[in-house]
Protein backbone atom coordinates (compact mmCIF):
# COMPACT_ATOMS: atom_id res chain seq x y z
CA MET A 1 -0.01 0.35 -0.04
CA GLN A 2 1.35 3.39 -0.84
CA THR A 3 2.41 5.68 2.35
CA PHE A 4 2.45 9.18 2.51
CA THR A 5 4.63 11.71 4.64
CA LEU A 6 1.49 13.44 5.74
CA ASN A 7 -2.36 12.44 5.99
CA ARG A 8 -4.49 13.45 3.11
CA ILE A 9 -7.54 15.10 3.58
CA TRP A 10 -10.24 15.15 1.12
CA VAL A 11 -12.32 18.70 0.68
CA ASP A 12 -14.82 19.72 -2.05
CA GLU A 13 -14.64 23.27 -1.96
CA GLN A 14 -11.83 25.98 -1.31
CA PRO A 15 -11.34 26.10 2.59
CA LEU A 16 -10.33 29.01 4.93
CA ASP A 17 -7.45 30.06 5.10
CA SER A 18 -7.67 29.95 9.14
CA ILE A 19 -7.67 25.87 9.27
CA PHE A 20 -3.79 25.40 7.66
CA PRO A 21 -1.90 26.47 10.48
CA MET A 22 -4.03 23.78 12.08
CA LEU A 23 -3.10 21.05 9.92
CA ALA A 24 0.82 21.88 9.58
CA GLY A 25 3.28 18.83 9.76
CA THR A 26 0.48 16.61 10.39
CA ALA A 27 -1.91 16.81 7.12
CA GLU A 28 -2.30 17.97 3.61
CA LEU A 29 -5.80 18.80 1.87
CA VAL A 30 -6.58 17.42 -1.28
CA GLY A 31 -9.14 18.89 -3.88
CA PRO A 32 -11.36 20.67 -4.45
CA ALA A 33 -9.84 20.17 -8.03
CA ALA A 34 -8.51 17.03 -7.26
CA SER A 35 -9.83 13.85 -9.43
CA ILE A 36 -12.34 11.62 -7.71
CA LYS A 37 -9.42 8.95 -7.93
CA ASP A 38 -7.48 10.63 -5.47
CA LEU A 39 -9.95 10.04 -2.88
CA SER A 40 -8.20 6.73 -2.45
CA THR A 41 -5.00 8.52 -1.02
CA CYS A 42 -7.21 10.05 1.38
CA VAL A 43 -7.71 8.84 5.29
CA ALA A 44 -10.27 11.61 5.88
CA ALA A 45 -12.67 13.96 4.38
CA LEU A 46 -13.90 17.32 5.40
CA ASP A 47 -17.93 17.54 3.86
CA PRO A 48 -19.52 20.79 2.89
CA GLY A 49 -22.54 18.95 1.89
CA VAL A 50 -21.74 17.04 -1.34
CA PRO A 51 -23.38 13.44 -1.71
CA TRP A 52 -21.49 10.84 0.16
CA THR A 53 -23.20 7.33 -1.03
CA ALA A 54 -21.42 4.13 -0.82
CA ALA A 55 -20.59 4.21 -4.49
CA ARG A 56 -18.38 7.42 -3.65
CA MET A 57 -17.14 5.60 -0.25
CA ASP A 58 -15.92 2.90 -2.50
CA HIS A 59 -13.52 5.28 -4.00
CA ALA A 60 -11.82 5.76 -0.58
CA PRO A 61 -10.70 2.65 0.68
CA ARG A 62 -8.40 4.19 3.37
CA LEU A 63 -11.00 6.61 4.71
CA ARG A 64 -11.41 6.57 8.44
CA VAL A 65 -13.77 9.54 9.10
CA ILE A 66 -15.97 11.97 7.20
CA SER A 67 -15.98 15.19 8.90
CA ARG A 68 -18.98 17.14 8.31
CA ILE A 69 -18.93 21.13 7.87
CA GLY A 70 -22.64 21.30 9.16
CA VAL A 71 -25.03 19.89 11.38
CA GLY A 72 -27.48 18.73 8.82
CA ILE A 73 -26.19 14.99 7.50
CA ASP A 74 -29.26 13.95 4.79
CA ASN A 75 -26.25 13.78 1.84
CA ILE A 76 -24.43 11.12 4.08
CA ASP A 77 -25.15 7.40 4.07
CA ILE A 78 -24.57 6.72 7.44
CA LEU A 79 -25.40 3.25 7.01
CA ALA A 80 -23.00 2.90 4.34
CA ALA A 81 -20.41 4.55 6.21
CA THR A 82 -20.98 2.63 9.46
CA ALA A 83 -20.59 -0.82 7.13
CA ARG A 84 -17.34 0.17 5.97
CA GLY A 85 -16.01 1.44 9.10
CA ILE A 86 -16.08 5.12 8.64
CA LEU A 87 -16.62 7.44 11.62
CA VAL A 88 -19.14 10.57 10.57
CA CYS A 89 -19.18 13.84 12.73
CA ASN A 90 -21.09 16.95 12.13
CA THR A 91 -20.34 20.43 14.06
CA PRO A 92 -23.94 21.03 16.01
CA LEU A 93 -22.43 23.88 18.16
CA ALA A 94 -20.80 25.87 15.40
CA PRO A 95 -23.52 27.69 13.77
CA SER A 96 -25.85 27.92 16.72
CA GLN A 97 -25.49 31.54 17.46
CA SER A 98 -25.59 32.81 13.79
CA THR A 99 -28.77 30.81 13.02
CA ALA A 100 -30.53 32.26 15.98
CA GLU A 101 -29.47 35.61 15.28
CA HIS A 102 -30.69 34.99 11.87
CA ALA A 103 -34.12 33.70 13.07
CA VAL A 104 -34.46 36.98 15.35
CA GLY A 105 -33.63 38.92 11.97
CA LEU A 106 -36.29 37.35 10.05
CA ILE A 107 -38.79 37.90 13.17
CA PHE A 108 -38.40 41.84 13.39
CA ALA A 109 -38.24 41.81 9.29
CA THR A 110 -41.81 40.05 9.10
CA ALA A 111 -43.03 41.75 12.58
CA LYS A 112 -42.04 45.29 11.05
CA SER A 113 -42.58 44.87 7.32
CA ILE A 114 -39.04 46.14 6.77
CA VAL A 115 -38.48 44.53 3.20
CA GLN A 116 -41.64 45.60 1.72
CA ALA A 117 -40.58 49.37 3.39
CA ASP A 118 -37.78 49.39 1.81
CA SER A 119 -39.13 48.24 -1.59
CA ARG A 120 -41.50 51.01 -1.52
CA THR A 121 -39.24 53.59 -0.34
CA ARG A 122 -36.41 52.94 -3.26
CA SER A 123 -39.14 53.32 -5.64
CA GLY A 124 -40.48 56.87 -4.53
CA GLN A 125 -43.71 55.61 -2.50
CA TRP A 126 -43.09 57.64 0.42
CA HIS A 127 -45.70 57.00 2.92
CA SER A 128 -47.99 55.48 0.45
CA ASN A 129 -49.00 52.55 2.98
CA PHE A 130 -48.80 54.70 5.82
CA ARG A 131 -52.44 54.97 6.94
CA SER A 132 -52.99 51.24 6.22
CA HIS A 133 -50.20 49.45 7.52
CA LYS A 134 -49.00 49.46 11.11
CA GLY A 135 -46.06 46.82 12.18
CA LEU A 136 -46.05 44.41 15.08
CA GLU A 137 -44.91 45.68 18.14
CA LEU A 138 -43.10 42.65 20.06
CA HIS A 139 -42.84 44.11 23.49
CA SER A 140 -45.48 41.76 25.52
CA LYS A 141 -46.53 39.42 22.49
CA VAL A 142 -46.16 35.98 22.22
CA LEU A 143 -43.60 33.99 20.78
CA GLY A 144 -44.14 30.14 20.23
CA LEU A 145 -40.81 27.59 19.53
CA VAL A 146 -41.36 24.26 17.96
CA GLY A 147 -38.44 22.59 19.38
CA VAL A 148 -35.49 24.44 21.70
CA GLY A 149 -32.17 23.06 21.23
CA ARG A 150 -29.36 25.23 21.10
CA ILE A 151 -30.56 27.71 18.65
CA GLY A 152 -33.88 27.69 19.91
CA GLY A 153 -33.08 28.24 23.39
CA THR A 154 -30.82 31.12 22.02
CA VAL A 155 -33.82 33.05 20.01
CA ALA A 156 -35.72 32.57 23.22
CA GLN A 157 -33.13 34.50 25.47
CA ILE A 158 -32.72 37.11 22.95
CA MET A 159 -36.57 37.69 22.64
CA ASN A 160 -37.11 37.61 26.40
CA ALA A 161 -35.15 40.56 26.63
CA VAL A 162 -37.35 42.61 24.08
CA GLY A 163 -40.08 41.65 26.37
CA MET A 164 -41.92 38.91 24.39
CA ARG A 165 -43.70 35.93 26.72
CA VAL A 166 -42.09 32.81 25.43
CA LEU A 167 -43.70 29.56 24.84
CA VAL A 168 -41.93 26.24 23.90
CA PHE A 169 -43.34 22.87 22.66
CA ASP A 170 -40.34 20.29 22.98
CA PRO A 171 -41.31 16.90 24.50
CA GLY A 172 -37.65 16.51 25.03
CA LEU A 173 -37.07 19.58 26.97
CA SER A 174 -36.99 19.54 31.02
CA SER A 175 -38.62 21.73 33.19
CA ALA A 176 -35.58 23.15 34.71
CA ARG A 177 -34.04 23.68 31.47
CA ALA A 178 -37.24 25.83 30.59
CA ALA A 179 -36.80 27.80 33.62
CA GLU A 180 -33.41 28.34 32.90
CA LEU A 181 -34.45 29.99 29.37
CA GLY A 182 -37.27 31.66 31.04
CA VAL A 183 -39.98 29.83 28.78
CA GLU A 184 -43.23 28.36 29.27
CA LEU A 185 -43.65 24.67 28.47
CA VAL A 186 -46.68 23.47 26.77
CA SER A 187 -47.80 20.06 26.50
CA GLU A 188 -49.58 20.16 23.18
CA LEU A 189 -48.62 21.89 19.73
CA ARG A 190 -51.95 23.16 19.19
CA SER A 191 -51.94 25.30 22.46
CA LEU A 192 -48.63 26.78 21.33
CA LEU A 193 -50.09 27.65 18.11
CA GLU A 194 -53.40 29.28 19.18
CA GLN A 195 -51.59 31.36 21.68
CA SER A 196 -48.97 32.74 19.64
CA ASP A 197 -48.56 35.89 17.55
CA ILE A 198 -45.23 34.50 15.89
CA VAL A 199 -44.28 30.73 15.30
CA SER A 200 -40.71 29.98 15.02
CA LEU A 201 -39.47 26.56 14.22
CA HIS A 202 -36.13 24.96 15.49
CA ALA A 203 -36.90 21.07 15.41
CA PRO A 204 -34.94 18.39 13.55
CA ALA A 205 -36.57 16.64 9.95
CA THR A 206 -37.90 13.52 11.00
CA PRO A 207 -40.74 11.09 9.61
CA ALA A 208 -42.40 12.79 12.39
CA THR A 209 -42.00 16.30 12.02
CA ARG A 210 -42.36 16.06 7.95
CA GLN A 211 -44.72 18.81 6.77
CA LEU A 212 -45.58 19.51 10.82
CA MET A 213 -47.01 23.00 9.53
CA ASN A 214 -49.77 21.47 7.45
CA SER A 215 -53.04 23.10 6.64
CA GLU A 216 -54.55 21.61 9.74
CA HIS A 217 -51.63 23.26 11.81
CA LEU A 218 -51.47 26.31 10.03
CA ALA A 219 -55.48 26.92 10.58
CA MET A 220 -54.67 26.53 14.30
CA MET A 221 -52.49 29.44 14.23
CA LYS A 222 -54.10 32.93 14.92
CA ARG A 223 -55.45 35.05 12.31
CA GLY A 224 -52.74 37.39 11.21
CA ALA A 225 -49.80 35.50 12.82
CA ILE A 226 -46.20 34.91 11.60
CA LEU A 227 -44.45 31.66 10.87
CA ILE A 228 -40.65 31.95 11.01
CA ASN A 229 -38.57 28.76 9.71
CA THR A 230 -34.49 28.68 9.73
CA ALA A 231 -34.56 24.91 10.57
CA ARG A 232 -35.72 22.56 7.80
CA GLY A 233 -37.70 23.53 4.88
CA ALA A 234 -39.25 19.83 4.96
CA LEU A 235 -41.17 20.91 8.44
CA VAL A 236 -43.31 23.12 6.04
CA ASP A 237 -46.14 22.19 3.87
CA GLU A 238 -45.34 25.06 0.98
CA THR A 239 -48.69 24.70 -0.89
CA ALA A 240 -50.73 25.08 2.54
CA LEU A 241 -48.28 28.10 3.46
CA VAL A 242 -49.16 29.93 0.38
CA ALA A 243 -52.62 29.23 0.63
CA ALA A 244 -52.70 30.51 4.52
CA LEU A 245 -50.61 33.66 3.46
CA THR A 246 -52.98 34.57 0.75
CA SER A 247 -56.35 33.90 2.74
CA GLY A 248 -54.68 36.44 5.53
CA GLN A 249 -54.80 33.58 7.96
CA LEU A 250 -51.17 34.54 8.12
CA SER A 251 -49.91 37.96 7.91
CA ALA A 252 -46.29 37.27 7.03
CA ALA A 253 -43.78 34.60 7.09
CA GLY A 254 -39.72 34.48 7.21
CA LEU A 255 -37.92 31.86 5.43
CA ASP A 256 -34.27 30.63 5.12
CA VAL A 257 -35.43 26.99 4.25
CA PHE A 258 -37.40 25.44 1.44
CA GLU A 259 -38.74 21.88 1.00
CA ARG A 260 -36.38 21.82 -2.72
CA GLU A 261 -33.71 23.83 -2.85
CA PRO A 262 -32.51 25.73 -4.69
CA VAL A 263 -35.85 27.38 -4.76
CA SER A 264 -37.15 27.09 -7.93
CA PRO A 265 -38.26 30.34 -10.01
CA GLU A 266 -41.90 29.23 -10.15
CA ASN A 267 -42.35 28.84 -6.48
CA PRO A 268 -45.40 30.62 -5.75
CA LEU A 269 -43.83 31.87 -2.47
CA LEU A 270 -41.55 33.74 -4.41
CA LYS A 271 -44.39 35.92 -5.48
CA LEU A 272 -45.89 36.82 -2.14
CA GLU A 273 -44.82 40.53 -0.88
CA ASN A 274 -45.59 39.44 2.67
CA VAL A 275 -42.90 36.89 2.57
CA VAL A 276 -38.98 37.47 3.47
CA LEU A 277 -36.86 34.83 1.67
CA THR A 278 -33.31 33.97 2.31
CA ASP A 279 -31.19 31.61 0.37
CA HIS A 280 -30.18 29.03 3.33
CA ILE A 281 -27.37 31.32 4.72
CA ALA A 282 -29.06 31.58 8.46
CA SER A 283 -25.34 30.24 9.71
CA HIS A 284 -23.38 32.30 7.21
CA THR A 285 -21.64 34.63 9.32
CA TRP A 286 -17.58 35.16 9.05
CA ALA A 287 -17.60 33.67 12.76
CA GLY A 288 -19.89 30.80 12.09
CA HIS A 289 -18.18 29.70 8.69
CA HIS A 290 -14.35 29.66 10.66
CA ARG A 291 -16.14 27.58 14.09
CA LEU A 292 -17.76 25.26 11.37
CA TYR A 293 -14.32 24.59 9.28
CA GLU A 294 -12.23 24.77 12.25
CA THR A 295 -14.64 21.92 14.28
CA ALA A 296 -14.98 19.75 11.46
CA VAL A 297 -11.11 20.15 10.88
CA ARG A 298 -10.58 19.26 14.73
CA HIS A 299 -12.74 16.30 14.82
CA ALA A 300 -10.84 14.79 12.13
CA LEU A 301 -7.59 15.56 13.22
CA ASP A 302 -8.66 13.57 16.53
CA VAL A 303 -9.62 10.59 14.77
CA LEU A 304 -6.16 10.67 13.29
CA ALA A 305 -4.87 11.15 16.55
CA GLY A 306 -6.81 7.74 17.49
CA GLN A 307 -9.41 9.89 19.70
CA ARG A 308 -12.89 9.72 19.63
CA PRO A 309 -14.37 13.02 17.85
CA ALA A 310 -16.99 15.19 19.64
CA ALA A 311 -20.44 14.93 17.88
CA LEU A 312 -19.92 11.30 16.60
CA LEU A 313 -22.88 10.03 14.76
CA ASN A 314 -22.23 6.60 14.66
CA PRO A 315 -20.57 5.03 17.53
CA GLU A 316 -22.03 1.54 16.77
CA CYS A 317 -19.20 1.98 14.17
CA GLY A 318 -16.49 0.92 16.54
CA GLY A 319 -14.09 3.30 14.63
CA ARG A 320 -12.40 0.16 12.89
CA ARG A 321 -10.34 2.17 10.80
CA ALA A 322 -9.61 4.77 13.71
CA ALA A 323 -6.73 2.86 14.92
CA GLU A 324 -5.14 1.65 11.88
CA VAL A 325 -2.02 3.46 10.65
CA PHE A 326 -1.25 3.91 7.18
C-alpha cells in the first residue's frame, strides 16, 4: 500500500485559510480540483454537503472519518459509512449563534415589514401605505418556539430581553431547562399555535416532523400570525403555507429553508410580498463559517490521532479504521 508523509484530507470546496495552521506538519488537503481517483489516497474528508453515497465511499478505501462542515447529514449515507468502518461526525455547536440571530432578524423583518418598506421607499412611494400599514410591536406579544435546542434556546433568550412571552413545545425539554431559559412549556402543539403571535420552528427533520406545519396546524394559528423557519424546509407544507398567506390566515412568513433547494423560480412563495426569503444562509457569518470549518478539522484530526471525535454520529461503527496506521 502506498504511504504518504502526511495524512491526506479530502475537501470538496476551497477551505478557509485559518485551518492551514491546524494542519501544519500533520495533514495536507486534497481538492477541491482533485480527481475522484485521489480519494483513494485520503484518510479523512471534510464534507461541505456533497452526497456521500456508498459508491463514493468505495472510491476511498483508506477513509477513517467523514467530518461534516455543518449540522445536517441528509447527504451522508450513515449506514454505508458504518458498514465500511468510517466514522461520521458533524458540527452542531458551530452555527448555533449565527442561525439564532438570523431567526431573530426574520422575526423583526416580518413583524415590521422592513423589506416591503425598503422596496416602497426605493421606488419613491413615500408613506404610500402609511395609514393602512402598522407594524407589530413585539413587547408583550407571544413567541412560540417549536423545538428548543441550542438555536431555539438562544432565540428564546434574545426575545425574552425584547419583552416577549415565550412558549415552547418540545417533548424533550426538561422543566428545569425551561426555567433556566425563562420560557413556558406547553404539552400540546395546538396550545402553542393558538396562543402565539409568532411561531418559530427549531425542530429537526424527521419522519414525525415532516410537513408538521400543514393546513391543519396552520389553521390553528392566530389569524394574522407570523411563521418563521430557519430549521428545515421539510417541516413546512409550502402549498398550505401559500394558501394561508394568501387568505390572510397568516400575515407574513420569514423563511431561510425550503422543501426543495435551490428554490425554483416558479415557487409561488417568490411572488408573495408578505414573505421574507433568504437562501439558506442563516449560519453564513464569518464567525460561524470559521467555527464550522475549524471544528470539522479538529474532529478529523482527533480521529487521525486515535481519539474519539466530538459529535460522533455512528458510535456503533466502533472506529474499525480509527486505529489503523497507514
